[in-house]
PDB file of all heavy atoms in Angstrom:
ATOM      1  N   THR A   1     182.341-105.571 124.403  1.00  0.00           N
ATOM      2  CA  THR A   1     181.551-104.371 124.086  1.00  0.00           C
ATOM      3  C   THR A   1     180.370-104.129 125.009  1.00  0.00           C
ATOM      4  O   THR A   1     179.793-103.038 124.978  1.00  0.00           O
ATOM      5  CB  THR A   1     181.001-104.459 122.649  1.00  0.00           C
ATOM      6  OG1 THR A   1     180.169-105.633 122.532  1.00  0.00           O
ATOM      7  CG2 THR A   1     182.131-104.536 121.633  1.00  0.00           C
ATOM      8  N   ASP A   2     179.990-105.096 125.835  1.00  0.00           N
ATOM      9  CA  ASP A   2     178.697-105.018 126.510  1.00  0.00           C
ATOM     10  C   ASP A   2     178.752-104.776 128.011  1.00  0.00           C
ATOM     11  O   ASP A   2     177.744-104.933 128.706  1.00  0.00           O
ATOM     12  CB  ASP A   2     177.892-106.301 126.237  1.00  0.00           C
ATOM     13  CG  ASP A   2     177.436-106.385 124.785  1.00  0.00           C
ATOM     14  OD1 ASP A   2     177.531-105.360 124.095  1.00  0.00           O
ATOM     15  OD2 ASP A   2     176.986-107.457 124.352  1.00  0.00           O
ATOM     16  N   ALA A   3     179.909-104.397 128.541  1.00  0.00           N
ATOM     17  CA  ALA A   3     179.987-104.101 129.974  1.00  0.00           C
ATOM     18  C   ALA A   3     179.112-102.902 130.322  1.00  0.00           C
ATOM     19  O   ALA A   3     178.916-101.986 129.509  1.00  0.00           O
ATOM     20  CB  ALA A   3     181.426-103.828 130.378  1.00  0.00           C
ATOM     21  N   THR A   4     178.615-102.885 131.538  1.00  0.00           N
ATOM     22  CA  THR A   4     177.830-101.739 132.004  1.00  0.00           C
ATOM     23  C   THR A   4     178.669-100.469 131.991  1.00  0.00           C
ATOM     24  O   THR A   4     178.227 -99.413 131.547  1.00  0.00           O
ATOM     25  CB  THR A   4     177.295-102.006 133.421  1.00  0.00           C
ATOM     26  OG1 THR A   4     176.497-103.206 133.401  1.00  0.00           O
ATOM     27  CG2 THR A   4     176.459-100.847 133.946  1.00  0.00           C
ATOM     28  N   PHE A   5     179.909-100.573 132.488  1.00  0.00           N
ATOM     29  CA  PHE A   5     180.821 -99.431 132.521  1.00  0.00           C
ATOM     30  C   PHE A   5     182.113 -99.820 131.827  1.00  0.00           C
ATOM     31  O   PHE A   5     182.731-100.833 132.163  1.00  0.00           O
ATOM     32  CB  PHE A   5     181.102 -99.028 133.966  1.00  0.00           C
ATOM     33  CG  PHE A   5     182.125 -97.930 134.118  1.00  0.00           C
ATOM     34  CD1 PHE A   5     181.928 -96.686 133.547  1.00  0.00           C
ATOM     35  CD2 PHE A   5     183.295 -98.145 134.839  1.00  0.00           C
ATOM     36  CE1 PHE A   5     182.872 -95.668 133.683  1.00  0.00           C
ATOM     37  CE2 PHE A   5     184.250 -97.138 134.992  1.00  0.00           C
ATOM     38  CZ  PHE A   5     184.027 -95.894 134.407  1.00  0.00           C
ATOM     39  N   ILE A   6     182.522 -99.032 130.832  1.00  0.00           N
ATOM     40  CA  ILE A   6     183.763 -99.272 130.094  1.00  0.00           C
ATOM     41  C   ILE A   6     184.656 -98.052 130.272  1.00  0.00           C
ATOM     42  O   ILE A   6     184.270 -96.937 129.934  1.00  0.00           O
ATOM     43  CB  ILE A   6     183.481 -99.513 128.599  1.00  0.00           C
ATOM     44  CG1 ILE A   6     182.576-100.735 128.413  1.00  0.00           C
ATOM     45  CG2 ILE A   6     184.790 -99.682 127.827  1.00  0.00           C
ATOM     46  CD1 ILE A   6     182.083-100.928 126.990  1.00  0.00           C
ATOM     47  N   SER A   7     185.844 -98.282 130.818  1.00  0.00           N
ATOM     48  CA  SER A   7     186.783 -97.180 131.016  1.00  0.00           C
ATOM     49  C   SER A   7     188.071 -97.495 130.269  1.00  0.00           C
ATOM     50  O   SER A   7     188.850 -98.346 130.675  1.00  0.00           O
ATOM     51  CB  SER A   7     187.072 -96.984 132.506  1.00  0.00           C
ATOM     52  OG  SER A   7     187.987 -95.937 132.697  1.00  0.00           O
ATOM     53  N   GLU A   8     188.280 -96.787 129.163  1.00  0.00           N
ATOM     54  CA  GLU A   8     189.467 -97.000 128.340  1.00  0.00           C
ATOM     55  C   GLU A   8     190.538 -95.951 128.577  1.00  0.00           C
ATOM     56  O   GLU A   8     191.687 -96.129 128.172  1.00  0.00           O
ATOM     57  CB  GLU A   8     189.076 -96.972 126.860  1.00  0.00           C
ATOM     58  CG  GLU A   8     188.097 -98.049 126.451  1.00  0.00           C
ATOM     59  CD  GLU A   8     187.674 -97.924 124.999  1.00  0.00           C
ATOM     60  OE1 GLU A   8     187.871 -96.835 124.411  1.00  0.00           O
ATOM     61  OE2 GLU A   8     187.146 -98.922 124.449  1.00  0.00           O
ATOM     62  N   ALA A   9     190.180 -94.850 129.195  1.00  0.00           N
ATOM     63  CA  ALA A   9     191.086 -93.705 129.320  1.00  0.00           C
ATOM     64  C   ALA A   9     192.030 -93.852 130.502  1.00  0.00           C
ATOM     65  O   ALA A   9     191.677 -94.425 131.538  1.00  0.00           O
ATOM     66  CB  ALA A   9     190.278 -92.423 129.470  1.00  0.00           C
ATOM     67  N   ASP A  10     193.232 -93.307 130.356  1.00  0.00           N
ATOM     68  CA  ASP A  10     194.144 -93.187 131.493  1.00  0.00           C
ATOM     69  C   ASP A  10     193.605 -92.112 132.429  1.00  0.00           C
ATOM     70  O   ASP A  10     192.796 -91.258 132.044  1.00  0.00           O
ATOM     71  CB  ASP A  10     195.538 -92.784 131.011  1.00  0.00           C
ATOM     72  CG  ASP A  10     196.181 -93.828 130.105  1.00  0.00           C
ATOM     73  OD1 ASP A  10     195.679 -94.962 130.041  1.00  0.00           O
ATOM     74  OD2 ASP A  10     197.196 -93.487 129.447  1.00  0.00           O
ATOM     75  N   TYR A  11     194.086 -92.138 133.658  1.00  0.00           N
ATOM     76  CA  TYR A  11     193.711 -91.129 134.655  1.00  0.00           C
ATOM     77  C   TYR A  11     192.186 -91.007 134.782  1.00  0.00           C
ATOM     78  O   TYR A  11     191.603 -89.934 134.587  1.00  0.00           O
ATOM     79  CB  TYR A  11     194.322 -89.768 134.314  1.00  0.00           C
ATOM     80  CG  TYR A  11     195.827 -89.764 134.323  1.00  0.00           C
ATOM     81  CD1 TYR A  11     196.538 -89.781 133.127  1.00  0.00           C
ATOM     82  CD2 TYR A  11     196.542 -89.758 135.520  1.00  0.00           C
ATOM     83  CE1 TYR A  11     197.930 -89.791 133.124  1.00  0.00           C
ATOM     84  CE2 TYR A  11     197.932 -89.771 135.525  1.00  0.00           C
ATOM     85  CZ  TYR A  11     198.616 -89.788 134.329  1.00  0.00           C
ATOM     86  OH  TYR A  11     199.991 -89.805 134.328  1.00  0.00           O
ATOM     87  N   THR A  12     191.568 -92.131 135.106  1.00  0.00           N
ATOM     88  CA  THR A  12     190.142 -92.133 135.435  1.00  0.00           C
ATOM     89  C   THR A  12     190.014 -92.293 136.943  1.00  0.00           C
ATOM     90  O   THR A  12     190.711 -93.101 137.551  1.00  0.00           O
ATOM     91  CB  THR A  12     189.412 -93.284 134.726  1.00  0.00           C
ATOM     92  OG1 THR A  12     189.457 -93.058 133.313  1.00  0.00           O
ATOM     93  CG2 THR A  12     187.966 -93.385 135.168  1.00  0.00           C
ATOM     94  N   LEU A  13     189.122 -91.532 137.547  1.00  0.00           N
ATOM     95  CA  LEU A  13     188.887 -91.572 138.982  1.00  0.00           C
ATOM     96  C   LEU A  13     187.386 -91.699 139.211  1.00  0.00           C
ATOM     97  O   LEU A  13     186.599 -90.927 138.648  1.00  0.00           O
ATOM     98  CB  LEU A  13     189.430 -90.302 139.633  1.00  0.00           C
ATOM     99  CG  LEU A  13     189.165 -90.057 141.119  1.00  0.00           C
ATOM    100  CD1 LEU A  13     189.723 -91.190 141.970  1.00  0.00           C
ATOM    101  CD2 LEU A  13     189.775 -88.723 141.533  1.00  0.00           C
ATOM    102  N   VAL A  14     186.982 -92.688 140.010  1.00  0.00           N
ATOM    103  CA  VAL A  14     185.560 -92.914 140.270  1.00  0.00           C
ATOM    104  C   VAL A  14     185.349 -93.091 141.768  1.00  0.00           C
ATOM    105  O   VAL A  14     186.079 -93.840 142.421  1.00  0.00           O
ATOM    106  CB  VAL A  14     185.031 -94.157 139.513  1.00  0.00           C
ATOM    107  CG1 VAL A  14     183.519 -94.274 139.676  1.00  0.00           C
ATOM    108  CG2 VAL A  14     185.392 -94.100 138.033  1.00  0.00           C
ATOM    109  N   LYS A  15     184.348 -92.403 142.300  1.00  0.00           N
ATOM    110  CA  LYS A  15     184.045 -92.503 143.724  1.00  0.00           C
ATOM    111  C   LYS A  15     182.531 -92.657 143.938  1.00  0.00           C
ATOM    112  O   LYS A  15     181.727 -91.980 143.300  1.00  0.00           O
ATOM    113  CB  LYS A  15     184.530 -91.255 144.468  1.00  0.00           C
ATOM    114  CG  LYS A  15     184.240 -91.305 145.969  1.00  0.00           C
ATOM    115  CD  LYS A  15     184.644 -90.020 146.686  1.00  0.00           C
ATOM    116  CE  LYS A  15     184.292 -90.117 148.170  1.00  0.00           C
ATOM    117  NZ  LYS A  15     184.589 -88.861 148.898  1.00  0.00           N
ATOM    118  N   SER A  16     182.175 -93.572 144.829  1.00  0.00           N
ATOM    119  CA  SER A  16     180.819 -93.664 145.386  1.00  0.00           C
ATOM    120  C   SER A  16     179.744 -93.959 144.341  1.00  0.00           C
ATOM    121  O   SER A  16     178.668 -93.359 144.340  1.00  0.00           O
ATOM    122  CB  SER A  16     180.477 -92.367 146.139  1.00  0.00           C
ATOM    123  OG  SER A  16     181.406 -92.147 147.175  1.00  0.00           O
ATOM    124  N   ILE A  17     180.050 -94.891 143.428  1.00  0.00           N
ATOM    125  CA  ILE A  17     179.088 -95.348 142.420  1.00  0.00           C
ATOM    126  C   ILE A  17     179.128 -96.871 142.377  1.00  0.00           C
ATOM    127  O   ILE A  17     180.189 -97.470 142.521  1.00  0.00           O
ATOM    128  CB  ILE A  17     179.432 -94.800 141.021  1.00  0.00           C
ATOM    129  CG1 ILE A  17     179.501 -93.270 141.028  1.00  0.00           C
ATOM    130  CG2 ILE A  17     178.421 -95.272 139.978  1.00  0.00           C
ATOM    131  CD1 ILE A  17     179.997 -92.678 139.717  1.00  0.00           C
ATOM    132  N   THR A  18     177.966 -97.500 142.165  1.00  0.00           N
ATOM    133  CA  THR A  18     177.917 -98.944 141.968  1.00  0.00           C
ATOM    134  C   THR A  18     177.520 -99.243 140.531  1.00  0.00           C
ATOM    135  O   THR A  18     176.586 -98.646 139.990  1.00  0.00           O
ATOM    136  CB  THR A  18     176.914 -99.595 142.935  1.00  0.00           C
ATOM    137  OG1 THR A  18     177.454 -99.551 144.256  1.00  0.00           O
ATOM    138  CG2 THR A  18     176.653-101.055 142.576  1.00  0.00           C
ATOM    139  N   PHE A  19     178.256-100.176 139.918  1.00  0.00           N
ATOM    140  CA  PHE A  19     177.993-100.610 138.550  1.00  0.00           C
ATOM    141  C   PHE A  19     177.465-102.051 138.597  1.00  0.00           C
ATOM    142  O   PHE A  19     178.088-102.926 139.203  1.00  0.00           O
ATOM    143  CB  PHE A  19     179.268-100.545 137.714  1.00  0.00           C
ATOM    144  CG  PHE A  19     179.870 -99.165 137.663  1.00  0.00           C
ATOM    145  CD1 PHE A  19     180.943 -98.830 138.484  1.00  0.00           C
ATOM    146  CD2 PHE A  19     179.356 -98.193 136.825  1.00  0.00           C
ATOM    147  CE1 PHE A  19     181.502 -97.567 138.462  1.00  0.00           C
ATOM    148  CE2 PHE A  19     179.904 -96.922 136.794  1.00  0.00           C
ATOM    149  CZ  PHE A  19     180.972 -96.601 137.613  1.00  0.00           C
ATOM    150  N   ILE A  20     176.327-102.270 137.959  1.00  0.00           N
ATOM    151  CA  ILE A  20     175.648-103.563 138.037  1.00  0.00           C
ATOM    152  C   ILE A  20     175.424-104.117 136.643  1.00  0.00           C
ATOM    153  O   ILE A  20     174.953-103.402 135.756  1.00  0.00           O
ATOM    154  CB  ILE A  20     174.275-103.417 138.736  1.00  0.00           C
ATOM    155  CG1 ILE A  20     174.435-102.798 140.137  1.00  0.00           C
ATOM    156  CG2 ILE A  20     173.554-104.760 138.825  1.00  0.00           C
ATOM    157  CD1 ILE A  20     173.130-102.328 140.757  1.00  0.00           C
ATOM    158  N   ASN A  21     175.759-105.403 136.448  1.00  0.00           N
ATOM    159  CA  ASN A  21     175.267-106.107 135.271  1.00  0.00           C
ATOM    160  C   ASN A  21     174.169-107.042 135.757  1.00  0.00           C
ATOM    161  O   ASN A  21     174.432-108.002 136.492  1.00  0.00           O
ATOM    162  CB  ASN A  21     176.362-106.885 134.543  1.00  0.00           C
ATOM    163  CG  ASN A  21     175.872-107.359 133.181  1.00  0.00           C
ATOM    164  OD1 ASN A  21     174.807-107.949 133.056  1.00  0.00           O
ATOM    165  ND2 ASN A  21     176.650-107.084 132.140  1.00  0.00           N
ATOM    166  N   SER A  22     172.960-106.754 135.359  1.00  0.00           N
ATOM    167  CA  SER A  22     171.787-107.439 135.919  1.00  0.00           C
ATOM    168  C   SER A  22     171.407-108.703 135.165  1.00  0.00           C
ATOM    169  O   SER A  22     170.447-109.379 135.549  1.00  0.00           O
ATOM    170  CB  SER A  22     170.591-106.476 135.919  1.00  0.00           C
ATOM    171  OG  SER A  22     170.279-106.061 134.595  1.00  0.00           O
ATOM    172  N   TYR A  23     172.154-109.054 134.111  1.00  0.00           N
ATOM    173  CA  TYR A  23     171.706-110.151 133.255  1.00  0.00           C
ATOM    174  C   TYR A  23     171.517-111.464 134.017  1.00  0.00           C
ATOM    175  O   TYR A  23     170.523-112.165 133.824  1.00  0.00           O
ATOM    176  CB  TYR A  23     172.671-110.372 132.094  1.00  0.00           C
ATOM    177  CG  TYR A  23     172.227-111.526 131.214  1.00  0.00           C
ATOM    178  CD1 TYR A  23     171.150-111.369 130.359  1.00  0.00           C
ATOM    179  CD2 TYR A  23     172.849-112.772 131.286  1.00  0.00           C
ATOM    180  CE1 TYR A  23     170.700-112.422 129.577  1.00  0.00           C
ATOM    181  CE2 TYR A  23     172.409-113.826 130.505  1.00  0.00           C
ATOM    182  CZ  TYR A  23     171.336-113.649 129.657  1.00  0.00           C
ATOM    183  OH  TYR A  23     170.888-114.702 128.896  1.00  0.00           O
ATOM    184  N   ASN A  24     172.471-111.809 134.874  1.00  0.00           N
ATOM    185  CA  ASN A  24     172.403-113.092 135.590  1.00  0.00           C
ATOM    186  C   ASN A  24     171.753-112.985 136.964  1.00  0.00           C
ATOM    187  O   ASN A  24     171.844-113.918 137.765  1.00  0.00           O
ATOM    188  CB  ASN A  24     173.821-113.651 135.776  1.00  0.00           C
ATOM    189  CG  ASN A  24     174.464-114.048 134.464  1.00  0.00           C
ATOM    190  OD1 ASN A  24     173.868-114.730 133.649  1.00  0.00           O
ATOM    191  ND2 ASN A  24     175.690-113.614 134.255  1.00  0.00           N
ATOM    192  N   ILE A  25     171.140-111.872 137.280  1.00  0.00           N
ATOM    193  CA  ILE A  25     170.586-111.662 138.620  1.00  0.00           C
ATOM    194  C   ILE A  25     169.068-111.730 138.557  1.00  0.00           C
ATOM    195  O   ILE A  25     168.439-110.919 137.884  1.00  0.00           O
ATOM    196  CB  ILE A  25     171.037-110.305 139.183  1.00  0.00           C
ATOM    197  CG1 ILE A  25     172.571-110.261 139.239  1.00  0.00           C
ATOM    198  CG2 ILE A  25     170.451-110.057 140.549  1.00  0.00           C
ATOM    199  CD1 ILE A  25     173.139-108.921 139.616  1.00  0.00           C
ATOM    200  N   PRO A  26     168.412-112.713 139.245  1.00  0.00           N
ATOM    201  CA  PRO A  26     169.062-113.778 140.016  1.00  0.00           C
ATOM    202  C   PRO A  26     169.734-114.790 139.080  1.00  0.00           C
ATOM    203  O   PRO A  26     169.366-114.859 137.903  1.00  0.00           O
ATOM    204  CB  PRO A  26     167.892-114.411 140.779  1.00  0.00           C
ATOM    205  CG  PRO A  26     166.703-114.160 139.907  1.00  0.00           C
ATOM    206  CD  PRO A  26     166.940-112.817 139.279  1.00  0.00           C
ATOM    207  N   PRO A  27     170.706-115.584 139.603  1.00  0.00           N
ATOM    208  CA  PRO A  27     171.416-116.531 138.745  1.00  0.00           C
ATOM    209  C   PRO A  27     170.473-117.483 138.032  1.00  0.00           C
ATOM    210  O   PRO A  27     169.533-118.004 138.631  1.00  0.00           O
ATOM    211  CB  PRO A  27     172.325-117.286 139.728  1.00  0.00           C
ATOM    212  CG  PRO A  27     172.494-116.346 140.870  1.00  0.00           C
ATOM    213  CD  PRO A  27     171.195-115.608 140.991  1.00  0.00           C
ATOM    214  N   LYS A  28     170.707-117.664 136.739  1.00  0.00           N
ATOM    215  CA  LYS A  28     169.905-118.598 135.951  1.00  0.00           C
ATOM    216  C   LYS A  28     170.620-119.950 135.984  1.00  0.00           C
ATOM    217  O   LYS A  28     171.675-120.116 135.377  1.00  0.00           O
ATOM    218  CB  LYS A  28     169.770-118.084 134.519  1.00  0.00           C
ATOM    219  CG  LYS A  28     169.140-116.691 134.432  1.00  0.00           C
ATOM    220  CD  LYS A  28     169.244-116.138 133.018  1.00  0.00           C
ATOM    221  CE  LYS A  28     168.579-114.793 132.879  1.00  0.00           C
ATOM    222  NZ  LYS A  28     169.215-113.732 133.675  1.00  0.00           N
ATOM    223  N   VAL A  29     170.072-120.900 136.723  1.00  0.00           N
ATOM    224  CA  VAL A  29     170.724-122.187 136.914  1.00  0.00           C
ATOM    225  C   VAL A  29     171.009-122.834 135.558  1.00  0.00           C
ATOM    226  O   VAL A  29     170.145-122.916 134.688  1.00  0.00           O
ATOM    227  CB  VAL A  29     169.852-123.113 137.779  1.00  0.00           C
ATOM    228  CG1 VAL A  29     170.502-124.494 137.918  1.00  0.00           C
ATOM    229  CG2 VAL A  29     169.634-122.493 139.159  1.00  0.00           C
ATOM    230  N   ASN A  30     172.258-123.252 135.362  1.00  0.00           N
ATOM    231  CA  ASN A  30     172.756-123.894 134.140  1.00  0.00           C
ATOM    232  C   ASN A  30     172.747-122.963 132.921  1.00  0.00           C
ATOM    233  O   ASN A  30     172.965-123.403 131.803  1.00  0.00           O
ATOM    234  CB  ASN A  30     171.939-125.156 133.799  1.00  0.00           C
ATOM    235  CG  ASN A  30     172.053-126.211 134.875  1.00  0.00           C
ATOM    236  OD1 ASN A  30     173.106-126.374 135.477  1.00  0.00           O
ATOM    237  ND2 ASN A  30     170.958-126.919 135.128  1.00  0.00           N
ATOM    238  N   ALA A  31     172.505-121.665 133.146  1.00  0.00           N
ATOM    239  CA  ALA A  31     172.485-120.750 132.005  1.00  0.00           C
ATOM    240  C   ALA A  31     173.195-119.441 132.324  1.00  0.00           C
ATOM    241  O   ALA A  31     172.969-118.448 131.655  1.00  0.00           O
ATOM    242  CB  ALA A  31     171.046-120.486 131.581  1.00  0.00           C
ATOM    243  N   VAL A  32     174.060-119.441 133.337  1.00  0.00           N
ATOM    244  CA  VAL A  32     174.799-118.228 133.663  1.00  0.00           C
ATOM    245  C   VAL A  32     175.770-117.921 132.535  1.00  0.00           C
ATOM    246  O   VAL A  32     176.468-118.799 132.038  1.00  0.00           O
ATOM    247  CB  VAL A  32     175.552-118.401 135.003  1.00  0.00           C
ATOM    248  CG1 VAL A  32     176.506-117.242 135.235  1.00  0.00           C
ATOM    249  CG2 VAL A  32     174.558-118.486 136.148  1.00  0.00           C
ATOM    250  N   MET A  33     175.800-116.666 132.110  1.00  0.00           N
ATOM    251  CA  MET A  33     176.679-116.251 131.018  1.00  0.00           C
ATOM    252  C   MET A  33     177.629-115.154 131.483  1.00  0.00           C
ATOM    253  O   MET A  33     177.392-114.506 132.494  1.00  0.00           O
ATOM    254  CB  MET A  33     175.844-115.728 129.840  1.00  0.00           C
ATOM    255  CG  MET A  33     175.032-116.791 129.138  1.00  0.00           C
ATOM    256  SD  MET A  33     174.084-116.094 127.745  1.00  0.00           S
ATOM    257  CE  MET A  33     175.436-115.558 126.672  1.00  0.00           C
ATOM    258  N   GLN A  34     178.692-114.953 130.709  1.00  0.00           N
ATOM    259  CA  GLN A  34     179.594-113.841 130.970  1.00  0.00           C
ATOM    260  C   GLN A  34     178.820-112.539 130.819  1.00  0.00           C
ATOM    261  O   GLN A  34     178.200-112.296 129.789  1.00  0.00           O
ATOM    262  CB  GLN A  34     180.760-113.871 129.980  1.00  0.00           C
ATOM    263  CG  GLN A  34     181.667-115.081 130.125  1.00  0.00           C
ATOM    264  CD  GLN A  34     182.676-115.149 128.997  1.00  0.00           C
ATOM    265  OE1 GLN A  34     182.308-115.226 127.830  1.00  0.00           O
ATOM    266  NE2 GLN A  34     183.956-115.116 129.337  1.00  0.00           N
ATOM    267  N   ALA A  35     178.844-111.722 131.868  1.00  0.00           N
ATOM    268  CA  ALA A  35     178.090-110.470 131.855  1.00  0.00           C
ATOM    269  C   ALA A  35     178.854-109.483 132.734  1.00  0.00           C
ATOM    270  O   ALA A  35     178.772-109.535 133.960  1.00  0.00           O
ATOM    271  CB  ALA A  35     176.673-110.692 132.359  1.00  0.00           C
ATOM    272  N   VAL A  36     179.589-108.586 132.093  1.00  0.00           N
ATOM    273  CA  VAL A  36     180.575-107.740 132.769  1.00  0.00           C
ATOM    274  C   VAL A  36     179.927-106.464 133.312  1.00  0.00           C
ATOM    275  O   VAL A  36     179.202-105.764 132.590  1.00  0.00           O
ATOM    276  CB  VAL A  36     181.728-107.383 131.806  1.00  0.00           C
ATOM    277  CG1 VAL A  36     182.768-106.520 132.489  1.00  0.00           C
ATOM    278  CG2 VAL A  36     182.367-108.660 131.248  1.00  0.00           C
ATOM    279  N   ALA A  37     180.203-106.157 134.570  1.00  0.00           N
ATOM    280  CA  ALA A  37     179.718-104.904 135.160  1.00  0.00           C
ATOM    281  C   ALA A  37     180.672-103.753 134.863  1.00  0.00           C
ATOM    282  O   ALA A  37     180.229-102.619 134.660  1.00  0.00           O
ATOM    283  CB  ALA A  37     179.533-105.062 136.663  1.00  0.00           C
ATOM    284  N   ALA A  38     181.973-104.020 134.859  1.00  0.00           N
ATOM    285  CA  ALA A  38     182.947-102.958 134.574  1.00  0.00           C
ATOM    286  C   ALA A  38     184.144-103.553 133.841  1.00  0.00           C
ATOM    287  O   ALA A  38     184.639-104.621 134.202  1.00  0.00           O
ATOM    288  CB  ALA A  38     183.400-102.269 135.853  1.00  0.00           C
ATOM    289  N   MET A  39     184.606-102.818 132.848  1.00  0.00           N
ATOM    290  CA  MET A  39     185.760-103.211 132.030  1.00  0.00           C
ATOM    291  C   MET A  39     186.758-102.058 132.071  1.00  0.00           C
ATOM    292  O   MET A  39     186.500-100.979 131.550  1.00  0.00           O
ATOM    293  CB  MET A  39     185.301-103.482 130.593  1.00  0.00           C
ATOM    294  CG  MET A  39     186.394-103.749 129.598  1.00  0.00           C
ATOM    295  SD  MET A  39     185.658-103.965 127.935  1.00  0.00           S
ATOM    296  CE  MET A  39     187.140-103.982 126.932  1.00  0.00           C
ATOM    297  N   ILE A  40     187.898-102.280 132.732  1.00  0.00           N
ATOM    298  CA  ILE A  40     188.862-101.211 132.994  1.00  0.00           C
ATOM    299  C   ILE A  40     190.157-101.506 132.241  1.00  0.00           C
ATOM    300  O   ILE A  40     190.876-102.442 132.574  1.00  0.00           O
ATOM    301  CB  ILE A  40     189.169-101.091 134.505  1.00  0.00           C
ATOM    302  CG1 ILE A  40     187.889-101.173 135.341  1.00  0.00           C
ATOM    303  CG2 ILE A  40     189.963 -99.823 134.786  1.00  0.00           C
ATOM    304  CD1 ILE A  40     186.871-100.103 135.051  1.00  0.00           C
TER     305      ILE A  40
END
């Protein structure tokens, strides 16, 4: 449920955009977690 960008629909077209999940940036040593930028 927590991705930055979630695309569930058929026929999706995306151009010239960046999707960022900032949770682990910069990486947290020994505490990196699953953090999705895009879910297609």
